[in-house]
Amino acid sequence: MSSSKARAERPDNSDEFAARAAIKKVLAEFRQMKKEVVPSAPNSTGTALKVVKAMREKNPQLVMKKDHIGRIAGIKVGDTFDSRGEASVIGLHGPIMNGINTVKPSVPGRDVIANSVAFSIGNIYPDNSYDESAGILVFSGEGRHHRDGSQSKK
C-alpha cells in the first residue's frame, strides 16, 4: 500500500486505526483458513461454519455481543463482506446461518430490534430486493424457505 493511500485511509483517531487494522487481520486469517480447511470448497457455508467456530474458540472476543446496538470499532459504513462468515467472525453479524440478528427488548411489551441484517445481492428469495441508486433494501424476512422454493412447516 502506498504511503499516500495509507494516510487517506487512516482515521484521525489512532484507536480507530488500530481497530480497523485488527478487523483486516481477522478477515485475512479467516480467508486463509477457509482455503486450508476445505481447499475444494472454501466458499461453502459448511467451511465458513468450521472456520468461524475454530476462530471463536481461539479468540472468544470475536463473538458478537448479543445485545450490541450501534457501530463497531474498525468497521465503516459501506464496508462489504464476501459472506456472512466474514461478518460473523468480526462481530458484525452474530448468526452465520440466519440473515437477521435480533436483540430482545429490555422492557416487556416492546418490539424486538434487528441489530444486523445480512443480505446478499442476487438473493434466492424473489421478494427481496436492493435498489442501490435509491439506497433501498427490501428484506422480507428469513427462515422456512428452501432453495427449491418449497417451505417448511412452522
N, C-alpha and C. Protein backbone atom coordinates (compact mmCIF):
# COMPACT_ATOMS: atom_id res chain seq x y z
N MET A 1 0.86 -1.16 0.00
CA MET A 1 0.00 0.00 0.00
C MET A 1 0.90 1.23 0.00
N SER A 2 0.61 2.16 -0.84
CA SER A 2 1.41 3.38 -0.90
C SER A 2 1.17 4.20 0.36
N SER A 3 2.17 5.02 0.71
CA SER A 3 2.02 5.80 1.94
C SER A 3 0.90 6.83 1.83
N SER A 4 0.65 7.36 0.62
CA SER A 4 -0.44 8.32 0.47
C SER A 4 -1.80 7.63 0.66
N LYS A 5 -1.92 6.39 0.18
CA LYS A 5 -3.17 5.66 0.37
C LYS A 5 -3.36 5.33 1.86
N ALA A 6 -2.27 4.96 2.52
CA ALA A 6 -2.36 4.65 3.95
C ALA A 6 -2.80 5.88 4.73
N ARG A 7 -2.27 7.06 4.38
CA ARG A 7 -2.68 8.29 5.05
C ARG A 7 -4.15 8.59 4.79
N ALA A 8 -4.61 8.34 3.56
CA ALA A 8 -6.00 8.62 3.20
C ALA A 8 -6.96 7.72 3.97
N GLU A 9 -6.56 6.47 4.23
CA GLU A 9 -7.42 5.54 4.94
C GLU A 9 -7.33 5.70 6.45
N ARG A 10 -6.26 6.32 6.92
CA ARG A 10 -6.04 6.41 8.37
C ARG A 10 -6.98 7.42 9.01
N PRO A 11 -7.84 6.97 9.90
CA PRO A 11 -8.73 7.91 10.60
C PRO A 11 -7.92 8.81 11.53
N ASP A 12 -8.51 9.89 11.96
CA ASP A 12 -7.84 10.80 12.89
C ASP A 12 -7.54 10.10 14.21
N ASN A 13 -8.39 9.21 14.62
CA ASN A 13 -8.28 8.52 15.90
C ASN A 13 -7.39 7.29 15.75
N SER A 14 -6.28 7.23 16.50
CA SER A 14 -5.38 6.09 16.37
C SER A 14 -6.02 4.81 16.88
N ASP A 15 -6.95 4.91 17.84
CA ASP A 15 -7.66 3.71 18.31
C ASP A 15 -8.51 3.12 17.19
N GLU A 16 -9.16 3.98 16.42
CA GLU A 16 -9.97 3.52 15.30
C GLU A 16 -9.08 2.88 14.23
N PHE A 17 -7.93 3.48 13.99
CA PHE A 17 -6.99 2.92 13.02
C PHE A 17 -6.55 1.52 13.46
N ALA A 18 -6.23 1.37 14.75
CA ALA A 18 -5.82 0.07 15.27
C ALA A 18 -6.96 -0.94 15.16
N ALA A 19 -8.19 -0.51 15.44
CA ALA A 19 -9.35 -1.40 15.33
C ALA A 19 -9.55 -1.84 13.89
N ARG A 20 -9.40 -0.91 12.95
CA ARG A 20 -9.56 -1.25 11.53
C ARG A 20 -8.48 -2.23 11.09
N ALA A 21 -7.27 -2.02 11.54
CA ALA A 21 -6.17 -2.94 11.21
C ALA A 21 -6.46 -4.33 11.78
N ALA A 22 -7.01 -4.39 12.98
CA ALA A 22 -7.35 -5.67 13.60
C ALA A 22 -8.44 -6.38 12.80
N ILE A 23 -9.45 -5.63 12.33
CA ILE A 23 -10.52 -6.21 11.51
C ILE A 23 -9.93 -6.81 10.24
N LYS A 24 -9.06 -6.06 9.58
CA LYS A 24 -8.44 -6.54 8.34
C LYS A 24 -7.61 -7.80 8.59
N LYS A 25 -6.92 -7.84 9.73
CA LYS A 25 -6.11 -9.02 10.07
C LYS A 25 -7.00 -10.24 10.28
N VAL A 26 -8.09 -10.07 11.02
CA VAL A 26 -9.02 -11.18 11.27
C VAL A 26 -9.62 -11.68 9.95
N LEU A 27 -10.01 -10.76 9.07
CA LEU A 27 -10.57 -11.16 7.78
C LEU A 27 -9.56 -11.92 6.94
N ALA A 28 -8.31 -11.47 6.94
CA ALA A 28 -7.26 -12.16 6.18
C ALA A 28 -7.05 -13.57 6.73
N GLU A 29 -7.05 -13.70 8.06
CA GLU A 29 -6.90 -15.01 8.69
C GLU A 29 -8.08 -15.92 8.34
N PHE A 30 -9.29 -15.37 8.40
CA PHE A 30 -10.49 -16.14 8.06
C PHE A 30 -10.41 -16.66 6.63
N ARG A 31 -10.06 -15.79 5.69
CA ARG A 31 -9.98 -16.17 4.28
C ARG A 31 -8.92 -17.24 4.05
N GLN A 32 -7.78 -17.10 4.72
CA GLN A 32 -6.72 -18.09 4.57
C GLN A 32 -7.14 -19.43 5.16
N MET A 33 -7.75 -19.40 6.33
CA MET A 33 -8.19 -20.65 6.97
C MET A 33 -9.25 -21.36 6.13
N LYS A 34 -10.14 -20.61 5.47
CA LYS A 34 -11.15 -21.25 4.61
C LYS A 34 -10.48 -22.04 3.51
N LYS A 35 -9.41 -21.51 2.94
CA LYS A 35 -8.69 -22.21 1.87
C LYS A 35 -8.01 -23.46 2.40
N GLU A 36 -7.53 -23.40 3.63
CA GLU A 36 -6.81 -24.53 4.21
C GLU A 36 -7.73 -25.62 4.73
N VAL A 37 -8.87 -25.25 5.31
CA VAL A 37 -9.78 -26.23 5.92
C VAL A 37 -10.40 -27.14 4.88
N VAL A 38 -10.96 -26.58 3.84
CA VAL A 38 -11.57 -27.37 2.77
C VAL A 38 -11.15 -26.74 1.44
N PRO A 39 -9.96 -27.10 0.94
CA PRO A 39 -9.46 -26.48 -0.29
C PRO A 39 -10.40 -26.63 -1.48
N SER A 40 -11.16 -27.72 -1.52
CA SER A 40 -12.05 -27.94 -2.67
C SER A 40 -13.33 -27.10 -2.61
N ALA A 41 -13.68 -26.60 -1.42
CA ALA A 41 -14.92 -25.81 -1.28
C ALA A 41 -14.73 -24.69 -0.26
N PRO A 42 -13.78 -23.77 -0.50
CA PRO A 42 -13.54 -22.73 0.50
C PRO A 42 -14.70 -21.77 0.70
N ASN A 43 -15.61 -21.68 -0.25
CA ASN A 43 -16.71 -20.72 -0.14
C ASN A 43 -18.03 -21.34 0.32
N SER A 44 -17.99 -22.60 0.74
CA SER A 44 -19.23 -23.23 1.19
C SER A 44 -19.58 -22.76 2.60
N THR A 45 -20.86 -22.81 2.92
CA THR A 45 -21.32 -22.41 4.25
C THR A 45 -20.73 -23.32 5.31
N GLY A 46 -20.62 -24.61 5.01
CA GLY A 46 -20.06 -25.55 5.97
C GLY A 46 -18.61 -25.22 6.31
N THR A 47 -17.85 -24.83 5.30
CA THR A 47 -16.46 -24.44 5.54
C THR A 47 -16.41 -23.20 6.41
N ALA A 48 -17.24 -22.22 6.10
CA ALA A 48 -17.27 -20.99 6.89
C ALA A 48 -17.64 -21.28 8.34
N LEU A 49 -18.61 -22.17 8.55
CA LEU A 49 -19.00 -22.54 9.91
C LEU A 49 -17.83 -23.12 10.69
N LYS A 50 -17.09 -24.03 10.05
CA LYS A 50 -15.93 -24.65 10.71
C LYS A 50 -14.89 -23.60 11.08
N VAL A 51 -14.62 -22.70 10.16
CA VAL A 51 -13.59 -21.69 10.39
C VAL A 51 -14.03 -20.70 11.47
N VAL A 52 -15.26 -20.24 11.41
CA VAL A 52 -15.76 -19.31 12.43
C VAL A 52 -15.67 -19.96 13.80
N LYS A 53 -16.09 -21.21 13.91
CA LYS A 53 -16.04 -21.92 15.19
C LYS A 53 -14.61 -22.01 15.70
N ALA A 54 -13.69 -22.39 14.83
CA ALA A 54 -12.28 -22.51 15.23
C ALA A 54 -11.71 -21.16 15.66
N MET A 55 -12.03 -20.11 14.93
CA MET A 55 -11.50 -18.79 15.27
C MET A 55 -12.10 -18.28 16.58
N ARG A 56 -13.37 -18.55 16.83
CA ARG A 56 -14.00 -18.10 18.07
C ARG A 56 -13.45 -18.86 19.27
N GLU A 57 -13.14 -20.14 19.08
CA GLU A 57 -12.55 -20.91 20.18
C GLU A 57 -11.17 -20.35 20.52
N LYS A 58 -10.44 -19.96 19.50
CA LYS A 58 -9.10 -19.40 19.67
C LYS A 58 -9.16 -17.99 20.26
N ASN A 59 -10.19 -17.22 19.88
CA ASN A 59 -10.29 -15.82 20.28
C ASN A 59 -11.75 -15.48 20.59
N PRO A 60 -12.22 -15.76 21.82
CA PRO A 60 -13.63 -15.58 22.16
C PRO A 60 -14.15 -14.15 21.99
N GLN A 61 -13.29 -13.15 21.97
CA GLN A 61 -13.77 -11.78 21.80
C GLN A 61 -14.33 -11.52 20.41
N LEU A 62 -14.17 -12.47 19.48
CA LEU A 62 -14.72 -12.32 18.14
C LEU A 62 -16.24 -12.50 18.11
N VAL A 63 -16.80 -13.01 19.17
CA VAL A 63 -18.24 -13.26 19.21
C VAL A 63 -18.98 -11.94 19.40
N MET A 64 -19.98 -11.72 18.57
CA MET A 64 -20.80 -10.51 18.68
C MET A 64 -21.55 -10.52 20.00
N LYS A 65 -21.53 -9.41 20.69
CA LYS A 65 -22.32 -9.30 21.92
C LYS A 65 -23.79 -9.30 21.52
N LYS A 66 -24.57 -10.16 22.14
CA LYS A 66 -25.95 -10.37 21.73
C LYS A 66 -26.81 -9.10 21.81
N ASP A 67 -26.50 -8.21 22.74
CA ASP A 67 -27.33 -7.03 22.89
C ASP A 67 -26.69 -5.77 22.30
N HIS A 68 -25.70 -5.94 21.45
CA HIS A 68 -24.98 -4.79 20.88
C HIS A 68 -25.85 -4.04 19.87
N ILE A 69 -25.92 -2.73 20.05
CA ILE A 69 -26.58 -1.87 19.09
C ILE A 69 -25.64 -0.69 18.85
N GLY A 70 -25.40 -0.37 17.60
CA GLY A 70 -24.52 0.76 17.29
C GLY A 70 -23.30 0.32 16.50
N ARG A 71 -22.41 1.26 16.33
CA ARG A 71 -21.25 0.99 15.49
C ARG A 71 -20.27 0.06 16.18
N ILE A 72 -19.44 -0.56 15.36
CA ILE A 72 -18.39 -1.43 15.85
C ILE A 72 -17.07 -0.83 15.39
N ALA A 73 -16.16 -0.63 16.32
CA ALA A 73 -14.88 -0.01 16.00
C ALA A 73 -14.18 -0.78 14.88
N GLY A 74 -13.67 -0.04 13.92
CA GLY A 74 -12.93 -0.64 12.82
C GLY A 74 -13.75 -0.95 11.59
N ILE A 75 -15.06 -0.79 11.69
CA ILE A 75 -15.94 -1.06 10.55
C ILE A 75 -16.58 0.25 10.12
N LYS A 76 -16.52 0.51 8.82
CA LYS A 76 -17.06 1.76 8.28
C LYS A 76 -18.37 1.49 7.55
N VAL A 77 -19.23 2.49 7.53
CA VAL A 77 -20.44 2.42 6.72
C VAL A 77 -19.99 2.20 5.28
N GLY A 78 -20.60 1.24 4.60
CA GLY A 78 -20.25 0.95 3.21
C GLY A 78 -19.29 -0.21 3.05
N ASP A 79 -18.69 -0.69 4.14
CA ASP A 79 -17.83 -1.87 4.04
C ASP A 79 -18.68 -3.04 3.55
N THR A 80 -18.11 -3.85 2.71
CA THR A 80 -18.81 -5.04 2.22
C THR A 80 -18.00 -6.27 2.58
N PHE A 81 -18.68 -7.38 2.67
CA PHE A 81 -18.05 -8.63 3.04
C PHE A 81 -18.49 -9.71 2.08
N ASP A 82 -17.63 -10.69 1.87
CA ASP A 82 -17.90 -11.74 0.90
C ASP A 82 -18.91 -12.77 1.41
N SER A 83 -19.12 -12.82 2.71
CA SER A 83 -20.03 -13.84 3.25
C SER A 83 -20.50 -13.44 4.65
N ARG A 84 -21.52 -14.13 5.11
CA ARG A 84 -21.97 -13.95 6.49
C ARG A 84 -20.87 -14.39 7.45
N GLY A 85 -20.10 -15.38 7.02
CA GLY A 85 -18.99 -15.85 7.85
C GLY A 85 -18.03 -14.73 8.17
N GLU A 86 -17.69 -13.91 7.17
CA GLU A 86 -16.80 -12.78 7.40
C GLU A 86 -17.42 -11.79 8.38
N ALA A 87 -18.69 -11.46 8.16
CA ALA A 87 -19.37 -10.52 9.05
C ALA A 87 -19.48 -11.09 10.46
N SER A 88 -19.64 -12.39 10.55
CA SER A 88 -19.78 -13.04 11.84
C SER A 88 -18.46 -13.06 12.61
N VAL A 89 -17.38 -13.39 11.92
CA VAL A 89 -16.09 -13.55 12.61
C VAL A 89 -15.53 -12.23 13.12
N ILE A 90 -15.97 -11.11 12.56
CA ILE A 90 -15.50 -9.81 13.07
C ILE A 90 -16.49 -9.19 14.06
N GLY A 91 -17.56 -9.92 14.36
CA GLY A 91 -18.51 -9.45 15.36
C GLY A 91 -19.57 -8.51 14.85
N LEU A 92 -19.70 -8.40 13.53
CA LEU A 92 -20.69 -7.51 12.95
C LEU A 92 -22.06 -8.16 12.84
N HIS A 93 -22.08 -9.46 12.59
CA HIS A 93 -23.35 -10.19 12.43
C HIS A 93 -23.20 -11.51 13.17
N GLY A 94 -23.97 -11.71 14.22
CA GLY A 94 -23.82 -12.88 15.07
C GLY A 94 -24.05 -14.22 14.39
N PRO A 95 -25.23 -14.46 13.87
CA PRO A 95 -25.51 -15.79 13.31
C PRO A 95 -24.92 -15.97 11.92
N ILE A 96 -24.30 -17.11 11.70
CA ILE A 96 -23.71 -17.35 10.38
C ILE A 96 -24.76 -17.88 9.40
N MET A 97 -25.81 -18.50 9.91
CA MET A 97 -26.82 -19.07 9.02
C MET A 97 -28.01 -18.12 8.82
N ASN A 98 -28.38 -17.39 9.83
CA ASN A 98 -29.56 -16.53 9.75
C ASN A 98 -29.21 -15.17 9.18
N GLY A 99 -30.15 -14.60 8.45
CA GLY A 99 -29.92 -13.29 7.86
C GLY A 99 -30.21 -12.14 8.80
N ILE A 100 -30.96 -12.40 9.86
CA ILE A 100 -31.33 -11.33 10.79
C ILE A 100 -30.84 -11.69 12.19
N ASN A 101 -30.15 -10.77 12.82
CA ASN A 101 -29.74 -10.93 14.21
C ASN A 101 -30.58 -9.95 15.03
N THR A 102 -31.13 -10.40 16.13
CA THR A 102 -32.04 -9.55 16.90
C THR A 102 -31.62 -9.39 18.35
N VAL A 103 -32.14 -8.32 18.95
CA VAL A 103 -31.95 -8.04 20.37
C VAL A 103 -33.34 -8.02 21.00
N LYS A 104 -33.50 -8.79 22.05
CA LYS A 104 -34.78 -8.78 22.76
C LYS A 104 -34.89 -7.49 23.57
N PRO A 105 -36.09 -6.98 23.70
CA PRO A 105 -36.26 -5.72 24.44
C PRO A 105 -35.99 -5.91 25.93
N SER A 106 -35.42 -4.88 26.54
CA SER A 106 -35.19 -4.93 27.99
C SER A 106 -36.46 -4.58 28.76
N VAL A 107 -37.41 -3.96 28.06
CA VAL A 107 -38.69 -3.59 28.67
C VAL A 107 -39.77 -4.50 28.10
N PRO A 108 -40.49 -5.23 28.96
CA PRO A 108 -41.56 -6.11 28.45
C PRO A 108 -42.57 -5.34 27.61
N GLY A 109 -43.04 -5.99 26.56
CA GLY A 109 -44.04 -5.38 25.69
C GLY A 109 -43.46 -4.57 24.54
N ARG A 110 -42.16 -4.37 24.52
CA ARG A 110 -41.52 -3.63 23.43
C ARG A 110 -41.17 -4.59 22.30
N ASP A 111 -40.94 -4.03 21.12
CA ASP A 111 -40.60 -4.84 19.95
C ASP A 111 -39.16 -5.33 20.00
N VAL A 112 -38.94 -6.47 19.37
CA VAL A 112 -37.59 -6.99 19.16
C VAL A 112 -36.91 -6.06 18.15
N ILE A 113 -35.62 -5.82 18.33
CA ILE A 113 -34.87 -4.93 17.44
C ILE A 113 -33.91 -5.76 16.60
N ALA A 114 -33.88 -5.50 15.30
CA ALA A 114 -32.87 -6.12 14.43
C ALA A 114 -31.61 -5.28 14.54
N ASN A 115 -30.51 -5.88 15.03
CA ASN A 115 -29.28 -5.12 15.13
C ASN A 115 -28.31 -5.42 13.99
N SER A 116 -28.63 -6.40 13.16
CA SER A 116 -27.87 -6.61 11.92
C SER A 116 -28.70 -7.46 10.96
N VAL A 117 -28.55 -7.14 9.69
CA VAL A 117 -29.21 -7.88 8.62
C VAL A 117 -28.15 -8.20 7.58
N ALA A 118 -27.97 -9.48 7.29
CA ALA A 118 -27.01 -9.90 6.26
C ALA A 118 -27.81 -10.22 5.01
N PHE A 119 -27.55 -9.48 3.97
CA PHE A 119 -28.31 -9.58 2.72
C PHE A 119 -27.32 -9.71 1.58
N SER A 120 -27.59 -10.63 0.67
CA SER A 120 -26.70 -10.77 -0.49
C SER A 120 -27.44 -10.37 -1.75
N ILE A 121 -26.75 -9.61 -2.57
CA ILE A 121 -27.32 -9.22 -3.86
C ILE A 121 -27.51 -10.51 -4.66
N GLY A 122 -28.61 -10.62 -5.35
CA GLY A 122 -28.89 -11.86 -6.08
C GLY A 122 -29.44 -12.92 -5.15
N ASN A 123 -29.98 -12.49 -4.04
CA ASN A 123 -30.54 -13.39 -3.05
C ASN A 123 -31.55 -14.32 -3.71
N ILE A 124 -31.67 -15.52 -3.18
CA ILE A 124 -32.54 -16.52 -3.80
C ILE A 124 -34.03 -16.28 -3.56
N TYR A 125 -34.35 -15.35 -2.69
CA TYR A 125 -35.75 -15.09 -2.40
C TYR A 125 -36.26 -13.97 -3.29
N PRO A 126 -37.27 -14.24 -4.12
CA PRO A 126 -37.72 -13.25 -5.11
C PRO A 126 -38.34 -11.99 -4.52
N ASP A 127 -38.80 -12.04 -3.27
CA ASP A 127 -39.42 -10.84 -2.69
C ASP A 127 -38.41 -9.94 -1.97
N ASN A 128 -37.13 -10.29 -2.02
CA ASN A 128 -36.07 -9.43 -1.51
C ASN A 128 -35.53 -8.61 -2.66
N SER A 129 -35.19 -7.35 -2.40
CA SER A 129 -34.62 -6.53 -3.47
C SER A 129 -33.74 -5.44 -2.89
N TYR A 130 -32.87 -4.92 -3.74
CA TYR A 130 -31.99 -3.83 -3.35
C TYR A 130 -31.87 -2.86 -4.50
N ASP A 131 -32.20 -1.61 -4.25
CA ASP A 131 -32.08 -0.55 -5.25
C ASP A 131 -30.92 0.33 -4.79
N GLU A 132 -29.74 0.09 -5.39
CA GLU A 132 -28.54 0.81 -4.95
C GLU A 132 -28.67 2.31 -5.16
N SER A 133 -29.24 2.73 -6.29
CA SER A 133 -29.33 4.16 -6.56
C SER A 133 -30.22 4.88 -5.55
N ALA A 134 -31.24 4.21 -5.07
CA ALA A 134 -32.14 4.82 -4.08
C ALA A 134 -31.73 4.49 -2.65
N GLY A 135 -30.82 3.53 -2.49
CA GLY A 135 -30.41 3.12 -1.16
C GLY A 135 -31.50 2.40 -0.40
N ILE A 136 -32.33 1.65 -1.14
CA ILE A 136 -33.47 0.96 -0.51
C ILE A 136 -33.25 -0.55 -0.55
N LEU A 137 -33.35 -1.17 0.61
CA LEU A 137 -33.22 -2.61 0.76
C LEU A 137 -34.55 -3.14 1.25
N VAL A 138 -35.09 -4.12 0.54
CA VAL A 138 -36.31 -4.80 0.99
C VAL A 138 -35.90 -6.22 1.35
N PHE A 139 -35.99 -6.53 2.64
CA PHE A 139 -35.63 -7.85 3.15
C PHE A 139 -36.88 -8.39 3.81
N SER A 140 -37.48 -9.39 3.21
CA SER A 140 -38.80 -9.85 3.64
C SER A 140 -38.77 -10.76 4.85
N GLY A 141 -37.62 -11.11 5.31
CA GLY A 141 -37.53 -11.98 6.47
C GLY A 141 -36.63 -13.15 6.21
N GLU A 142 -36.70 -14.11 7.08
CA GLU A 142 -35.82 -15.26 6.97
C GLU A 142 -36.55 -16.51 7.40
N GLY A 143 -35.95 -17.62 7.06
CA GLY A 143 -36.43 -18.90 7.56
C GLY A 143 -37.54 -19.51 6.74
N ARG A 144 -37.67 -20.81 6.92
CA ARG A 144 -38.72 -21.63 6.34
C ARG A 144 -38.64 -21.78 4.83
N HIS A 145 -37.80 -21.05 4.13
CA HIS A 145 -37.74 -21.16 2.67
C HIS A 145 -36.52 -21.98 2.27
N HIS A 146 -36.70 -22.81 1.27
CA HIS A 146 -35.61 -23.63 0.76
C HIS A 146 -35.25 -23.16 -0.64
N ARG A 147 -34.05 -23.50 -1.06
CA ARG A 147 -33.57 -23.07 -2.37
C ARG A 147 -34.48 -23.52 -3.51
N ASP A 148 -35.18 -24.63 -3.32
CA ASP A 148 -36.04 -25.13 -4.40
C ASP A 148 -37.41 -24.44 -4.41
N GLY A 149 -37.61 -23.47 -3.51
CA GLY A 149 -38.86 -22.72 -3.49
C GLY A 149 -39.89 -23.28 -2.52
N SER A 150 -39.65 -24.48 -1.97
CA SER A 150 -40.61 -25.06 -1.03
C SER A 150 -40.44 -24.40 0.34
N GLN A 151 -41.43 -24.61 1.20
CA GLN A 151 -41.38 -24.04 2.54
C GLN A 151 -41.53 -25.13 3.58
N SER A 152 -40.85 -24.96 4.70
CA SER A 152 -41.01 -25.86 5.83
C SER A 152 -42.26 -25.46 6.59
N LYS A 153 -42.85 -26.41 7.27
CA LYS A 153 -43.99 -26.08 8.13
C LYS A 153 -43.47 -25.47 9.41
N LYS A 154 -44.14 -24.45 9.88
CA LYS A 154 -43.71 -23.75 11.08
C LYS A 154 -44.08 -24.52 12.32
